[in-house]
Amino acid sequence: AVMAAFRERDVQIKLVTRSDRFDWGGASWTILNPPRGEFGDGRSQAGNVSVAYLLELNGRRLVFTGDIEERVGKRLAGELEPVLDGEGVDVFLATHHGSASGSVKPLLDVLEPDWVVISAGKNNRFGHPSTQAVRRLKATGATIWCTAINGSVTARITAGGRLTWAAGGELVAPWWSGRDQVQHGRCNRR
């Protein structure tokens, strides 16, 4: 239905693949996944063909990985290591809502995120985020927002590169403070 609506309105569609790069509005997007030929081939698991990308804006780096699993997370770690050159990223959207097989250690070791957002529905039937993923994410030292308790989370980056946050849920401060090693409330039983 969505594709039909796009066609009906003559919206140009471009399928992106690994290594594509786009610049728009002062920001740069580098596509990290999926590799050419894997998107929609019917053989790949849906999560492993998620569009993953590195967004660079005003001196900040953000990584979004969709629902990729361990195999793809390890590949991304190897590909991002020379790109990031030990600098890490400012923001990381936790892989697959904090699933047990997401946000794997090799990827986290390369990303070294300052901030993490776990996008997980409140009391979801999958138990996201998993205990394993939360443990790995906390071990990075990052400050963590969890949408189950923080609600909608917005990161704003000014032209000068200042990063600010806003949350619309019952908790407006980060769920986990990496600096202080303090947890505020519960993120779906975690």
C-alpha atoms as a PDB file:
ATOM      1  CA  ALA A   1       0.000   0.000   0.000  1.00  0.00           C
ATOM      2  CA  VAL A   2       2.828   2.423   0.814  1.00  0.00           C
ATOM      3  CA  MET A   3       4.690   1.680  -2.416  1.00  0.00           C
ATOM      4  CA  ALA A   4       1.464   2.061  -4.412  1.00  0.00           C
ATOM      5  CA  ALA A   5       0.879   5.470  -2.817  1.00  0.00           C
ATOM      6  CA  PHE A   6       4.419   6.531  -3.724  1.00  0.00           C
ATOM      7  CA  ARG A   7       3.958   5.409  -7.337  1.00  0.00           C
ATOM      8  CA  GLU A   8       0.595   7.137  -7.518  1.00  0.00           C
ATOM      9  CA  ARG A   9       2.235  10.420  -6.505  1.00  0.00           C
ATOM     10  CA  ASP A  10       5.334   9.931  -8.700  1.00  0.00           C
ATOM     11  CA  VAL A  11       7.661   9.834  -5.698  1.00  0.00           C
ATOM     12  CA  GLN A  12      11.134   8.783  -6.786  1.00  0.00           C
ATOM     13  CA  ILE A  13      12.334   5.724  -4.844  1.00  0.00           C
ATOM     14  CA  LYS A  14      15.979   4.759  -4.436  1.00  0.00           C
ATOM     15  CA  LEU A  15      17.016   1.542  -2.759  1.00  0.00           C
ATOM     16  CA  VAL A  16      20.221   2.182  -0.867  1.00  0.00           C
ATOM     17  CA  THR A  17      23.030  -0.284  -0.321  1.00  0.00           C
ATOM     18  CA  ARG A  18      26.280  -0.443   1.603  1.00  0.00           C
ATOM     19  CA  SER A  19      28.789   2.293   0.735  1.00  0.00           C
ATOM     20  CA  ASP A  20      26.203   4.693  -0.709  1.00  0.00           C
ATOM     21  CA  ARG A  21      26.755   8.199   0.616  1.00  0.00           C
ATOM     22  CA  PHE A  22      24.360  11.136   0.600  1.00  0.00           C
ATOM     23  CA  ASP A  23      24.859  14.746   1.610  1.00  0.00           C
ATOM     24  CA  TRP A  24      21.858  16.909   2.333  1.00  0.00           C
ATOM     25  CA  GLY A  25      21.218  19.978   4.465  1.00  0.00           C
ATOM     26  CA  GLY A  26      24.730  19.973   5.914  1.00  0.00           C
ATOM     27  CA  ALA A  27      24.506  16.335   7.004  1.00  0.00           C
ATOM     28  CA  SER A  28      26.123  13.228   5.527  1.00  0.00           C
ATOM     29  CA  TRP A  29      24.659   9.742   5.525  1.00  0.00           C
ATOM     30  CA  THR A  30      26.901   6.727   4.892  1.00  0.00           C
ATOM     31  CA  ILE A  31      24.914   3.542   4.316  1.00  0.00           C
ATOM     32  CA  LEU A  32      26.431   0.594   6.199  1.00  0.00           C
ATOM     33  CA  ASN A  33      23.883  -2.106   5.388  1.00  0.00           C
ATOM     34  CA  PRO A  34      22.465  -3.938   3.428  1.00  0.00           C
ATOM     35  CA  PRO A  35      25.083  -5.094   0.930  1.00  0.00           C
ATOM     36  CA  ARG A  36      24.124  -4.916  -2.728  1.00  0.00           C
ATOM     37  CA  GLY A  37      22.032  -7.911  -3.736  1.00  0.00           C
ATOM     38  CA  GLU A  38      20.893  -8.852  -0.238  1.00  0.00           C
ATOM     39  CA  PHE A  39      17.923  -6.520   0.010  1.00  0.00           C
ATOM     40  CA  GLY A  40      14.742  -8.351  -0.846  1.00  0.00           C
ATOM     41  CA  ASP A  41      16.468 -11.453  -2.183  1.00  0.00           C
ATOM     42  CA  GLY A  42      14.106 -13.691  -0.217  1.00  0.00           C
ATOM     43  CA  ARG A  43      16.994 -15.552   1.438  1.00  0.00           C
ATOM     44  CA  SER A  44      18.157 -12.999   3.991  1.00  0.00           C
ATOM     45  CA  GLN A  45      16.504 -12.662   7.353  1.00  0.00           C
ATOM     46  CA  ALA A  46      14.544  -9.412   7.521  1.00  0.00           C
ATOM     47  CA  GLY A  47      16.644  -7.914  10.322  1.00  0.00           C
ATOM     48  CA  ASN A  48      19.914  -8.462   8.531  1.00  0.00           C
ATOM     49  CA  VAL A  49      18.781  -6.371   5.576  1.00  0.00           C
ATOM     50  CA  SER A  50      17.757  -3.400   7.735  1.00  0.00           C
ATOM     51  CA  VAL A  51      19.117  -0.100   6.499  1.00  0.00           C
ATOM     52  CA  ALA A  52      21.944   0.835   8.850  1.00  0.00           C
ATOM     53  CA  TYR A  53      23.754   4.134   8.527  1.00  0.00           C
ATOM     54  CA  LEU A  54      26.238   6.575   9.992  1.00  0.00           C
ATOM     55  CA  LEU A  55      24.894  10.137  10.186  1.00  0.00           C
ATOM     56  CA  GLU A  56      27.404  12.955  10.542  1.00  0.00           C
ATOM     57  CA  LEU A  57      26.129  16.429  11.392  1.00  0.00           C
ATOM     58  CA  ASN A  58      27.910  19.489  12.765  1.00  0.00           C
ATOM     59  CA  GLY A  59      30.796  17.476  14.149  1.00  0.00           C
ATOM     60  CA  ARG A  60      28.576  14.796  15.696  1.00  0.00           C
ATOM     61  CA  ARG A  61      28.314  11.131  14.722  1.00  0.00           C
ATOM     62  CA  LEU A  62      25.197   9.007  15.128  1.00  0.00           C
ATOM     63  CA  VAL A  63      24.734   5.341  14.195  1.00  0.00           C
ATOM     64  CA  PHE A  64      21.390   3.706  13.454  1.00  0.00           C
ATOM     65  CA  THR A  65      21.399  -0.060  12.857  1.00  0.00           C
ATOM     66  CA  GLY A  66      17.816  -1.287  12.607  1.00  0.00           C
ATOM     67  CA  ASP A  67      17.276  -4.943  13.481  1.00  0.00           C
ATOM     68  CA  ILE A  68      20.643  -6.358  12.404  1.00  0.00           C
ATOM     69  CA  GLU A  69      21.853  -9.476  14.171  1.00  0.00           C
ATOM     70  CA  GLU A  70      25.234 -10.643  15.434  1.00  0.00           C
ATOM     71  CA  ARG A  71      26.774 -11.569  12.048  1.00  0.00           C
ATOM     72  CA  VAL A  72      26.031  -8.179  10.516  1.00  0.00           C
ATOM     73  CA  GLY A  73      26.956  -6.337  13.733  1.00  0.00           C
ATOM     74  CA  LYS A  74      30.424  -7.914  13.639  1.00  0.00           C
ATOM     75  CA  ARG A  75      30.826  -6.993   9.950  1.00  0.00           C
ATOM     76  CA  LEU A  76      29.838  -3.395  10.679  1.00  0.00           C
ATOM     77  CA  ALA A  77      32.361  -3.250  13.519  1.00  0.00           C
ATOM     78  CA  GLY A  78      35.158  -4.190  11.117  1.00  0.00           C
ATOM     79  CA  GLU A  79      34.023  -1.679   8.513  1.00  0.00           C
ATOM     80  CA  LEU A  80      33.479   1.187  10.961  1.00  0.00           C
ATOM     81  CA  GLU A  81      36.744   0.802  12.855  1.00  0.00           C
ATOM     82  CA  PRO A  82      38.905   2.610  10.251  1.00  0.00           C
ATOM     83  CA  VAL A  83      36.170   5.183   9.567  1.00  0.00           C
ATOM     84  CA  LEU A  84      35.774   6.156  13.221  1.00  0.00           C
ATOM     85  CA  ASP A  85      39.527   5.900  13.872  1.00  0.00           C
ATOM     86  CA  GLY A  86      39.116   5.401  17.629  1.00  0.00           C
ATOM     87  CA  GLU A  87      36.881   8.457  17.996  1.00  0.00           C
ATOM     88  CA  GLY A  88      33.630   6.599  18.711  1.00  0.00           C
ATOM     89  CA  VAL A  89      30.155   8.034  18.164  1.00  0.00           C
ATOM     90  CA  ASP A  90      27.998  10.464  20.046  1.00  0.00           C
ATOM     91  CA  VAL A  91      24.697   8.602  19.693  1.00  0.00           C
ATOM     92  CA  PHE A  92      23.836   4.961  19.026  1.00  0.00           C
ATOM     93  CA  LEU A  93      20.311   3.668  18.525  1.00  0.00           C
ATOM     94  CA  ALA A  94      20.512   0.233  20.162  1.00  0.00           C
ATOM     95  CA  THR A  95      20.121  -2.609  17.721  1.00  0.00           C
ATOM     96  CA  HIS A  96      16.757  -4.404  17.468  1.00  0.00           C
ATOM     97  CA  HIS A  97      15.077  -2.760  20.474  1.00  0.00           C
ATOM     98  CA  GLY A  98      17.722  -4.192  22.812  1.00  0.00           C
ATOM     99  CA  SER A  99      17.303  -7.825  21.743  1.00  0.00           C
ATOM    100  CA  ALA A 100      19.665 -10.441  23.165  1.00  0.00           C
ATOM    101  CA  SER A 101      21.389 -10.903  19.772  1.00  0.00           C
ATOM    102  CA  GLY A 102      21.664  -7.170  19.055  1.00  0.00           C
ATOM    103  CA  SER A 103      24.188  -4.484  20.025  1.00  0.00           C
ATOM    104  CA  VAL A 104      27.005  -7.035  20.028  1.00  0.00           C
ATOM    105  CA  LYS A 105      30.222  -6.354  21.926  1.00  0.00           C
ATOM    106  CA  PRO A 106      32.528  -6.041  18.859  1.00  0.00           C
ATOM    107  CA  LEU A 107      30.267  -3.301  17.479  1.00  0.00           C
ATOM    108  CA  LEU A 108      29.987  -1.528  20.835  1.00  0.00           C
ATOM    109  CA  ASP A 109      33.783  -1.685  21.272  1.00  0.00           C
ATOM    110  CA  VAL A 110      34.207   0.220  17.987  1.00  0.00           C
ATOM    111  CA  LEU A 111      31.312   2.643  18.500  1.00  0.00           C
ATOM    112  CA  GLU A 112      32.209   3.624  22.096  1.00  0.00           C
ATOM    113  CA  PRO A 113      28.930   5.602  22.274  1.00  0.00           C
ATOM    114  CA  ASP A 114      28.446   8.543  24.608  1.00  0.00           C
ATOM    115  CA  TRP A 115      24.662   8.194  24.424  1.00  0.00           C
ATOM    116  CA  VAL A 116      22.430   5.201  23.646  1.00  0.00           C
ATOM    117  CA  VAL A 117      18.714   5.108  22.907  1.00  0.00           C
ATOM    118  CA  ILE A 118      16.850   1.841  23.424  1.00  0.00           C
ATOM    119  CA  SER A 119      13.605   2.012  21.480  1.00  0.00           C
ATOM    120  CA  ALA A 120      11.355  -0.528  23.188  1.00  0.00           C
ATOM    121  CA  GLY A 121       7.624  -0.457  23.777  1.00  0.00           C
ATOM    122  CA  LYS A 122       6.426  -0.541  27.353  1.00  0.00           C
ATOM    123  CA  ASN A 123       6.050  -4.146  28.610  1.00  0.00           C
ATOM    124  CA  ASN A 124       6.357  -5.554  25.080  1.00  0.00           C
ATOM    125  CA  ARG A 125       5.774  -9.259  24.498  1.00  0.00           C
ATOM    126  CA  PHE A 126       9.379  -9.834  23.415  1.00  0.00           C
ATOM    127  CA  GLY A 127      10.881  -8.701  26.712  1.00  0.00           C
ATOM    128  CA  HIS A 128      12.988  -5.994  25.048  1.00  0.00           C
ATOM    129  CA  PRO A 129      15.407  -4.839  26.135  1.00  0.00           C
ATOM    130  CA  SER A 130      17.063  -8.079  27.131  1.00  0.00           C
ATOM    131  CA  THR A 131      19.195  -8.381  30.242  1.00  0.00           C
ATOM    132  CA  GLN A 132      22.201  -9.307  28.066  1.00  0.00           C
ATOM    133  CA  ALA A 133      21.884  -6.253  25.819  1.00  0.00           C
ATOM    134  CA  VAL A 134      21.360  -3.901  28.773  1.00  0.00           C
ATOM    135  CA  ARG A 135      24.470  -5.313  30.440  1.00  0.00           C
ATOM    136  CA  ARG A 136      26.539  -4.771  27.254  1.00  0.00           C
ATOM    137  CA  LEU A 137      25.171  -1.254  26.737  1.00  0.00           C
ATOM    138  CA  LYS A 138      25.827  -0.215  30.349  1.00  0.00           C
ATOM    139  CA  ALA A 139      29.381  -1.593  30.104  1.00  0.00           C
ATOM    140  CA  THR A 140      30.169   0.986  27.382  1.00  0.00           C
ATOM    141  CA  GLY A 141      29.844   3.753  29.968  1.00  0.00           C
ATOM    142  CA  ALA A 142      27.226   5.486  27.814  1.00  0.00           C
ATOM    143  CA  THR A 143      24.248   7.340  29.203  1.00  0.00           C
ATOM    144  CA  ILE A 144      21.096   5.495  28.154  1.00  0.00           C
ATOM    145  CA  TRP A 145      17.582   6.623  27.274  1.00  0.00           C
ATOM    146  CA  CYS A 146      14.873   3.929  27.210  1.00  0.00           C
ATOM    147  CA  THR A 147      11.645   4.819  25.418  1.00  0.00           C
ATOM    148  CA  ALA A 148       9.654   2.422  27.626  1.00  0.00           C
ATOM    149  CA  ILE A 149      10.104   4.866  30.507  1.00  0.00           C
ATOM    150  CA  ASN A 150      11.408   8.018  28.770  1.00  0.00           C
ATOM    151  CA  GLY A 151       8.719   8.049  26.067  1.00  0.00           C
ATOM    152  CA  SER A 152       9.629   9.816  22.825  1.00  0.00           C
ATOM    153  CA  VAL A 153      13.241  10.911  22.986  1.00  0.00           C
ATOM    154  CA  THR A 154      14.544  13.750  20.830  1.00  0.00           C
ATOM    155  CA  ALA A 155      18.191  14.636  20.246  1.00  0.00           C
ATOM    156  CA  ARG A 156      18.872  18.085  18.804  1.00  0.00           C
ATOM    157  CA  ILE A 157      22.176  19.161  17.331  1.00  0.00           C
ATOM    158  CA  THR A 158      22.791  22.866  16.895  1.00  0.00           C
ATOM    159  CA  ALA A 159      24.769  24.390  14.023  1.00  0.00           C
ATOM    160  CA  GLY A 160      27.647  24.649  16.480  1.00  0.00           C
ATOM    161  CA  GLY A 161      27.426  20.946  17.339  1.00  0.00           C
ATOM    162  CA  ARG A 162      25.783  21.253  20.756  1.00  0.00           C
ATOM    163  CA  LEU A 163      23.735  18.135  21.541  1.00  0.00           C
ATOM    164  CA  THR A 164      20.634  18.471  23.714  1.00  0.00           C
ATOM    165  CA  TRP A 165      17.951  15.970  24.699  1.00  0.00           C
ATOM    166  CA  ALA A 166      14.243  16.034  25.478  1.00  0.00           C
ATOM    167  CA  ALA A 167      11.997  13.201  26.645  1.00  0.00           C
ATOM    168  CA  GLY A 168       8.218  13.045  26.747  1.00  0.00           C
ATOM    169  CA  GLY A 169       7.613  10.132  29.112  1.00  0.00           C
ATOM    170  CA  GLU A 170       7.245   9.630  32.836  1.00  0.00           C
ATOM    171  CA  LEU A 171      11.019  10.060  33.251  1.00  0.00           C
ATOM    172  CA  VAL A 172      12.573  13.110  31.558  1.00  0.00           C
ATOM    173  CA  ALA A 173      16.142  12.367  32.664  1.00  0.00           C
ATOM    174  CA  PRO A 174      18.132   9.506  31.114  1.00  0.00           C
ATOM    175  CA  TRP A 175      17.201   6.063  32.407  1.00  0.00           C
ATOM    176  CA  TRP A 176      20.840   5.156  33.054  1.00  0.00           C
ATOM    177  CA  SER A 177      23.604   7.653  33.823  1.00  0.00           C
ATOM    178  CA  GLY A 178      26.863   6.310  32.460  1.00  0.00           C
ATOM    179  CA  ARG A 179      28.866   8.970  34.252  1.00  0.00           C
ATOM    180  CA  ASP A 180      27.340   8.295  37.668  1.00  0.00           C
ATOM    181  CA  GLN A 181      26.494   4.595  37.146  1.00  0.00           C
ATOM    182  CA  VAL A 182      22.981   5.295  38.432  1.00  0.00           C
ATOM    183  CA  GLN A 183      19.733   3.843  37.123  1.00  0.00           C
ATOM    184  CA  HIS A 184      16.470   5.789  37.390  1.00  0.00           C
ATOM    185  CA  GLY A 185      13.353   3.617  37.348  1.00  0.00           C
ATOM    186  CA  ARG A 186      12.875   0.467  35.297  1.00  0.00           C
ATOM    187  CA  CYS A 187      13.115  -0.131  31.582  1.00  0.00           C
ATOM    188  CA  ASN A 188      10.710  -3.054  31.115  1.00  0.00           C
ATOM    189  CA  ARG A 189      11.692  -5.092  34.149  1.00  0.00           C
ATOM    190  CA  ARG A 190      15.383  -4.142  33.805  1.00  0.00           C
END
